[in-house]
Amino acid sequence: MADMKFASARYAMSADDSSSMSSEPVGDLESGPEAAPDAMEASEITELLNIVYESCGVDFRDYAYASLLRRIRRRMSEEGVDDIRALRRLAGSDDACMQRLLNSLTLPVTSMFRDPSFFKLFRERICPVLATYPYLRIWVAGCSTGQEAYSLAILLSEAGLYERSRIYATDLHAGAVQQAEAGIYQLSAMQEYSRQYQEAGGTRSFSEYFVADDEYAALNPELRRNMVFATHNLVSDSSFNEFHVIFCRNVMIYFNDKLQQRVHGLLYASLGMFGFLGLGRSESIRFSYHEGAYETVSKAERMYRKVK
């Protein structure tokens, strides 16, 4: 296979590691409880996030500080500084450091068919309903580097629905959107993706959906023929269409209550009547202002339907 097939992948996965960027923090590679920052740390985090907002226009100030602290500490270690104030000074004077900090704050954990039982539910219970619609608009909000959007495209293809679907995959980070649109991933991830695809009820061999060299796998271009990739910020941007399905999974868990309410309002405004909303395993519509507007399709899989 010609190396030029994968040139864009090698460009996208360059030294500043744009492959690990996402619009929203959607998980962490590390596990275990997250300790909340003390009052002094919280003040220093606020000042750091102010600098990030002023420099990059990305607003983390309503994100839960406990979920950001681990990433900030990792960035401090990698930059060789001892405290948050020193990191703030360095990022404020060094554009490359600021970009590395931004990447660290938006580190995602994402994969194709992540939480296979969620996609199996969608295949078995939601797709038969969607099959009665003449046309489908679907929004994958906080799409990161695109794996979830492509998973959905595969699922809809196998259900015979992709020809009349349009998937909008959005993320606030242009680098993540660029890689999502390329649809090129590390070959080493394909074994896990294949296993999760099968657990999600896949009906074909997963290898039919990509071509590979010795390092990268490129998903079939047909999978993105009905996709629109764009930047969109859940924190500050407004609704841009009405959708039959919205996925906003593993995004709001890292927001504080104020921002969660804001995003719930945006999702509600963007979802058509009787549309389906899919959230992450640790997320819920409980205690949101719009809780009463949904019926629960599956509590375990965090799938809801708008009924009011």
Foldseek 3Di string as FASTA:
>chain_A
DDPVLCPVVDVLCDDLRLLFFWQFAQDDPDDDDFDADDPVQLVLVQLLQVLLCVVPVRHCPQFRRSVQPVLQVVLCVVVVHDGSVVLSVCVNVDVVSSSSSNSSSGGYDDAALVVLQLLLCCLPPVLVVVVVDQAFEEEEERCFLARDLLNVLQSCVVSVRNVRYAYEYEGQDPSSLVNNLQQKDWPVRVVVNQVSCVSNVNDDRPVVQWDDDPTMTHGDPVSCPRYHYYYDRLQDDAADAAGQEYEDESGCVRGHPVSVLSSVVRVVVRYDAFGKYFYYQPDECPPHPCNVQWDDPDNRRRMITGHD
